């Protein structure tokens, strides 16, 4: 499908869409370049994120699978 075909189809679907939440989500997606800036984070927050990433890459911390995360959340809420 060509770019023009995709744009035409999307424009038609947008004209028919009445759900504001969906339209706002689409707008955010299309404006992703504006949202991809670090301006929302302070220098301290960025430093903390960098430190956490470094810990993860060096093996000081570990990641969890989706299933492990869900299990841990559920166990935490029991009790």
C-alpha atoms as a PDB file:
ATOM      1  CA  UNK A   1       0.000   0.000   0.000  1.00  0.00           C
ATOM      2  CA  UNK A   2       1.412   3.405  -0.925  1.00  0.00           C
ATOM      3  CA  UNK A   3       1.828   6.326   1.442  1.00  0.00           C
ATOM      4  CA  UNK A   4      -0.974   8.220  -0.281  1.00  0.00           C
ATOM      5  CA  UNK A   5      -3.299   5.221   0.019  1.00  0.00           C
ATOM      6  CA  UNK A   6      -2.505   4.902   3.726  1.00  0.00           C
ATOM      7  CA  UNK A   7      -3.014   8.610   4.336  1.00  0.00           C
ATOM      8  CA  UNK A   8      -6.336   8.544   2.492  1.00  0.00           C
ATOM      9  CA  UNK A   9      -7.585   5.551   4.468  1.00  0.00           C
ATOM     10  CA  UNK A  10      -6.440   7.056   7.779  1.00  0.00           C
ATOM     11  CA  UNK A  11      -8.097  10.398   6.984  1.00  0.00           C
ATOM     12  CA  UNK A  12     -11.381   8.600   6.266  1.00  0.00           C
ATOM     13  CA  UNK A  13     -11.168   6.615   9.482  1.00  0.00           C
ATOM     14  CA  UNK A  14     -10.380   9.793  11.441  1.00  0.00           C
ATOM     15  CA  UNK A  15     -13.407  11.575   9.988  1.00  0.00           C
ATOM     16  CA  UNK A  16     -15.622   8.725  11.181  1.00  0.00           C
ATOM     17  CA  UNK A  17     -14.050   8.366  14.646  1.00  0.00           C
ATOM     18  CA  UNK A  18     -16.044   9.884  17.511  1.00  0.00           C
ATOM     19  CA  UNK A  19     -14.107   8.563  20.515  1.00  0.00           C
ATOM     20  CA  UNK A  20     -12.038  11.469  21.869  1.00  0.00           C
ATOM     21  CA  UNK A  21      -9.658   9.149  23.723  1.00  0.00           C
ATOM     22  CA  UNK A  22      -8.738   7.343  20.527  1.00  0.00           C
ATOM     23  CA  UNK A  23      -8.246  10.611  18.663  1.00  0.00           C
ATOM     24  CA  UNK A  24      -6.018  11.966  21.452  1.00  0.00           C
ATOM     25  CA  UNK A  25      -3.942   8.767  21.403  1.00  0.00           C
ATOM     26  CA  UNK A  26      -3.497   9.069  17.648  1.00  0.00           C
ATOM     27  CA  UNK A  27      -2.454  12.703  18.011  1.00  0.00           C
ATOM     28  CA  UNK A  28       0.143  11.751  20.634  1.00  0.00           C
ATOM     29  CA  UNK A  29       1.477   9.012  18.374  1.00  0.00           C
ATOM     30  CA  UNK A  30       1.781  11.342  15.399  1.00  0.00           C
ATOM     31  CA  UNK A  31       3.518  13.998  17.510  1.00  0.00           C
ATOM     32  CA  UNK A  32       6.026  11.510  18.900  1.00  0.00           C
ATOM     33  CA  UNK A  33       9.015  13.679  17.954  1.00  0.00           C
ATOM     34  CA  UNK A  34       7.754  16.373  20.317  1.00  0.00           C
ATOM     35  CA  UNK A  35       7.262  13.830  23.088  1.00  0.00           C
ATOM     36  CA  UNK A  36      10.690  12.214  22.614  1.00  0.00           C
ATOM     37  CA  UNK A  37      12.592  14.955  24.372  1.00  0.00           C
ATOM     38  CA  UNK A  38      14.267  14.780  27.750  1.00  0.00           C
ATOM     39  CA  UNK A  39      12.692  18.057  28.813  1.00  0.00           C
ATOM     40  CA  UNK A  40      10.235  16.237  31.074  1.00  0.00           C
ATOM     41  CA  UNK A  41      13.073  14.958  33.271  1.00  0.00           C
ATOM     42  CA  UNK A  42      15.375  16.873  35.561  1.00  0.00           C
ATOM     43  CA  UNK A  43      19.129  16.357  35.350  1.00  0.00           C
ATOM     44  CA  UNK A  44      18.953  14.390  38.620  1.00  0.00           C
ATOM     45  CA  UNK A  45      16.223  12.103  37.272  1.00  0.00           C
ATOM     46  CA  UNK A  46      18.200  11.460  34.083  1.00  0.00           C
ATOM     47  CA  UNK A  47      21.303  10.669  36.148  1.00  0.00           C
ATOM     48  CA  UNK A  48      19.295   8.200  38.254  1.00  0.00           C
ATOM     49  CA  UNK A  49      17.910   6.499  35.142  1.00  0.00           C
ATOM     50  CA  UNK A  50      21.418   6.260  33.697  1.00  0.00           C
ATOM     51  CA  UNK A  51      22.707   4.747  36.954  1.00  0.00           C
ATOM     52  CA  UNK A  52      19.877   2.194  37.012  1.00  0.00           C
ATOM     53  CA  UNK A  53      20.573   1.252  33.403  1.00  0.00           C
ATOM     54  CA  UNK A  54      24.285   0.866  34.140  1.00  0.00           C
ATOM     55  CA  UNK A  55      23.468  -1.401  37.123  1.00  0.00           C
ATOM     56  CA  UNK A  56      21.234  -3.512  34.916  1.00  0.00           C
ATOM     57  CA  UNK A  57      23.796  -3.802  32.111  1.00  0.00           C
ATOM     58  CA  UNK A  58      26.562  -4.714  34.563  1.00  0.00           C
ATOM     59  CA  UNK A  59      24.435  -7.421  36.193  1.00  0.00           C
ATOM     60  CA  UNK A  60      24.027  -5.631  39.547  1.00  0.00           C
ATOM     61  CA  UNK A  61      20.273  -5.703  39.049  1.00  0.00           C
ATOM     62  CA  UNK A  62      18.090  -8.096  37.152  1.00  0.00           C
ATOM     63  CA  UNK A  63      15.066  -7.849  34.935  1.00  0.00           C
ATOM     64  CA  UNK A  64      11.903  -9.869  35.188  1.00  0.00           C
ATOM     65  CA  UNK A  65       9.703 -11.483  32.589  1.00  0.00           C
ATOM     66  CA  UNK A  66       6.137 -10.296  32.206  1.00  0.00           C
ATOM     67  CA  UNK A  67       4.922 -13.455  33.955  1.00  0.00           C
ATOM     68  CA  UNK A  68       7.327 -12.954  36.872  1.00  0.00           C
ATOM     69  CA  UNK A  69       6.258  -9.340  37.246  1.00  0.00           C
ATOM     70  CA  UNK A  70       2.563 -10.215  37.276  1.00  0.00           C
ATOM     71  CA  UNK A  71       3.147 -13.001  39.814  1.00  0.00           C
ATOM     72  CA  UNK A  72       5.133 -10.669  42.068  1.00  0.00           C
ATOM     73  CA  UNK A  73       2.462  -7.968  41.867  1.00  0.00           C
ATOM     74  CA  UNK A  74      -0.279 -10.455  42.699  1.00  0.00           C
ATOM     75  CA  UNK A  75       1.638 -11.888  45.620  1.00  0.00           C
ATOM     76  CA  UNK A  76       2.320  -8.401  46.919  1.00  0.00           C
ATOM     77  CA  UNK A  77      -1.368  -7.537  46.944  1.00  0.00           C
ATOM     78  CA  UNK A  78      -2.370 -10.736  48.733  1.00  0.00           C
ATOM     79  CA  UNK A  79      -2.316 -10.372  52.441  1.00  0.00           C
END
